[in-house]
Amino acid sequence: MTERLETIVNIGPKLAAGLRAVGITNLDQLRAEGAVSAWERLREADEFDCASSLLALEGAIQGIRWHHLPAERRADLTAYVHGIKK
């Protein structure tokens, strides 16, 4: 049995609902999709479009709080979001 999305680090009720809305219902699916691809699906569905949501997804996949992601990875993901929003 897979755990509820809300029990995964960085995934609160709103982000979990957004993930479900785009067809991602568990951590295995999120890992298979990848943080950037899952975030793109959320953005296209007008669910989430901020850097913190992408960082949260990456942290969830890695099983760590997003604040503990390596600085270079955080910077790369944030730059990706800011590049799209130009």
C-alpha atoms as a PDB file:
ATOM      1  CA  MET A   1       0.000   0.000   0.000  1.00  0.00           C
ATOM      2  CA  THR A   2       1.344   3.413  -0.936  1.00  0.00           C
ATOM      3  CA  GLU A   3       1.374   6.226   1.551  1.00  0.00           C
ATOM      4  CA  ARG A   4      -0.837   9.258   1.224  1.00  0.00           C
ATOM      5  CA  LEU A   5       0.811  12.156  -0.572  1.00  0.00           C
ATOM      6  CA  GLU A   6       0.299  14.381   2.474  1.00  0.00           C
ATOM      7  CA  THR A   7       2.568  12.151   4.549  1.00  0.00           C
ATOM      8  CA  ILE A   8       5.520  12.733   2.216  1.00  0.00           C
ATOM      9  CA  VAL A   9       8.054  15.362   3.226  1.00  0.00           C
ATOM     10  CA  ASN A  10       7.281  18.805   1.682  1.00  0.00           C
ATOM     11  CA  ILE A  11       3.840  17.750   0.411  1.00  0.00           C
ATOM     12  CA  GLY A  12       0.982  19.508   2.162  1.00  0.00           C
ATOM     13  CA  PRO A  13      -2.737  19.246   1.448  1.00  0.00           C
ATOM     14  CA  LYS A  14      -2.783  21.846  -1.349  1.00  0.00           C
ATOM     15  CA  LEU A  15       0.207  20.456  -3.223  1.00  0.00           C
ATOM     16  CA  ALA A  16      -1.158  16.923  -2.772  1.00  0.00           C
ATOM     17  CA  ALA A  17      -4.503  18.020  -4.235  1.00  0.00           C
ATOM     18  CA  GLY A  18      -2.715  19.646  -7.154  1.00  0.00           C
ATOM     19  CA  LEU A  19      -0.707  16.519  -7.823  1.00  0.00           C
ATOM     20  CA  ARG A  20      -3.842  14.399  -7.750  1.00  0.00           C
ATOM     21  CA  ALA A  21      -5.516  16.843 -10.145  1.00  0.00           C
ATOM     22  CA  VAL A  22      -2.778  16.143 -12.698  1.00  0.00           C
ATOM     23  CA  GLY A  23      -2.865  12.379 -12.147  1.00  0.00           C
ATOM     24  CA  ILE A  24       0.017  11.896  -9.711  1.00  0.00           C
ATOM     25  CA  THR A  25      -1.332   9.992  -6.735  1.00  0.00           C
ATOM     26  CA  ASN A  26       1.720   8.554  -4.981  1.00  0.00           C
ATOM     27  CA  LEU A  27       5.458   8.938  -4.460  1.00  0.00           C
ATOM     28  CA  ASP A  28       6.356   6.246  -6.983  1.00  0.00           C
ATOM     29  CA  GLN A  29       4.493   8.137  -9.692  1.00  0.00           C
ATOM     30  CA  LEU A  30       6.139  11.403  -8.642  1.00  0.00           C
ATOM     31  CA  ARG A  31       9.583   9.790  -8.781  1.00  0.00           C
ATOM     32  CA  ALA A  32       8.852   8.281 -12.190  1.00  0.00           C
ATOM     33  CA  GLU A  33       7.626  11.641 -13.490  1.00  0.00           C
ATOM     34  CA  GLY A  34      10.472  13.667 -12.004  1.00  0.00           C
ATOM     35  CA  ALA A  35      10.171  16.977 -10.205  1.00  0.00           C
ATOM     36  CA  VAL A  36      10.462  19.243 -13.245  1.00  0.00           C
ATOM     37  CA  SER A  37       7.993  17.286 -15.351  1.00  0.00           C
ATOM     38  CA  ALA A  38       5.486  17.032 -12.479  1.00  0.00           C
ATOM     39  CA  TRP A  39       5.868  20.762 -11.817  1.00  0.00           C
ATOM     40  CA  GLU A  40       5.288  21.502 -15.518  1.00  0.00           C
ATOM     41  CA  ARG A  41       2.057  19.508 -15.357  1.00  0.00           C
ATOM     42  CA  LEU A  42       0.989  21.478 -12.286  1.00  0.00           C
ATOM     43  CA  ARG A  43       1.868  24.770 -13.988  1.00  0.00           C
ATOM     44  CA  GLU A  44      -0.015  23.890 -17.164  1.00  0.00           C
ATOM     45  CA  ALA A  45      -3.075  23.004 -15.058  1.00  0.00           C
ATOM     46  CA  ASP A  46      -2.820  26.393 -13.268  1.00  0.00           C
ATOM     47  CA  GLU A  47      -2.233  24.620  -9.974  1.00  0.00           C
ATOM     48  CA  PHE A  48       1.263  25.822  -8.948  1.00  0.00           C
ATOM     49  CA  ASP A  49       3.874  27.906 -10.707  1.00  0.00           C
ATOM     50  CA  CYS A  50       6.296  29.061  -8.001  1.00  0.00           C
ATOM     51  CA  ALA A  51       9.864  27.976  -7.361  1.00  0.00           C
ATOM     52  CA  SER A  52       9.019  26.730  -3.879  1.00  0.00           C
ATOM     53  CA  SER A  53       6.603  24.159  -5.273  1.00  0.00           C
ATOM     54  CA  LEU A  54       9.283  22.817  -7.620  1.00  0.00           C
ATOM     55  CA  LEU A  55      11.794  22.715  -4.773  1.00  0.00           C
ATOM     56  CA  ALA A  56       9.234  20.915  -2.609  1.00  0.00           C
ATOM     57  CA  LEU A  57       8.732  18.271  -5.292  1.00  0.00           C
ATOM     58  CA  GLU A  58      12.468  17.729  -5.686  1.00  0.00           C
ATOM     59  CA  GLY A  59      12.886  17.419  -1.932  1.00  0.00           C
ATOM     60  CA  ALA A  60       9.965  14.979  -1.747  1.00  0.00           C
ATOM     61  CA  ILE A  61      11.575  12.787  -4.391  1.00  0.00           C
ATOM     62  CA  GLN A  62      14.854  12.833  -2.482  1.00  0.00           C
ATOM     63  CA  GLY A  63      13.123  12.341   0.877  1.00  0.00           C
ATOM     64  CA  ILE A  64      14.472  15.553   2.414  1.00  0.00           C
ATOM     65  CA  ARG A  65      13.161  18.986   3.322  1.00  0.00           C
ATOM     66  CA  TRP A  66      13.674  21.212   0.311  1.00  0.00           C
ATOM     67  CA  HIS A  67      15.795  23.553   2.444  1.00  0.00           C
ATOM     68  CA  HIS A  68      18.372  20.759   2.610  1.00  0.00           C
ATOM     69  CA  LEU A  69      18.707  20.313  -1.129  1.00  0.00           C
ATOM     70  CA  PRO A  70      22.247  21.061  -2.290  1.00  0.00           C
ATOM     71  CA  ALA A  71      22.627  24.791  -2.973  1.00  0.00           C
ATOM     72  CA  GLU A  72      23.537  24.190  -6.618  1.00  0.00           C
ATOM     73  CA  ARG A  73      20.402  22.095  -7.222  1.00  0.00           C
ATOM     74  CA  ARG A  74      18.208  24.730  -5.525  1.00  0.00           C
ATOM     75  CA  ALA A  75      19.798  27.423  -7.677  1.00  0.00           C
ATOM     76  CA  ASP A  76      19.309  25.399 -10.886  1.00  0.00           C
ATOM     77  CA  LEU A  77      15.640  24.715 -10.148  1.00  0.00           C
ATOM     78  CA  THR A  78      14.962  28.325  -9.152  1.00  0.00           C
ATOM     79  CA  ALA A  79      16.666  29.586 -12.323  1.00  0.00           C
ATOM     80  CA  TYR A  80      14.529  27.178 -14.352  1.00  0.00           C
ATOM     81  CA  VAL A  81      11.324  28.621 -12.883  1.00  0.00           C
ATOM     82  CA  HIS A  82      12.469  32.212 -13.333  1.00  0.00           C
ATOM     83  CA  GLY A  83      13.481  31.480 -16.940  1.00  0.00           C
ATOM     84  CA  ILE A  84       9.964  30.234 -17.718  1.00  0.00           C
ATOM     85  CA  LYS A  85       8.269  33.198 -16.055  1.00  0.00           C
ATOM     86  CA  LYS A  86      10.101  35.830 -18.151  1.00  0.00           C
END
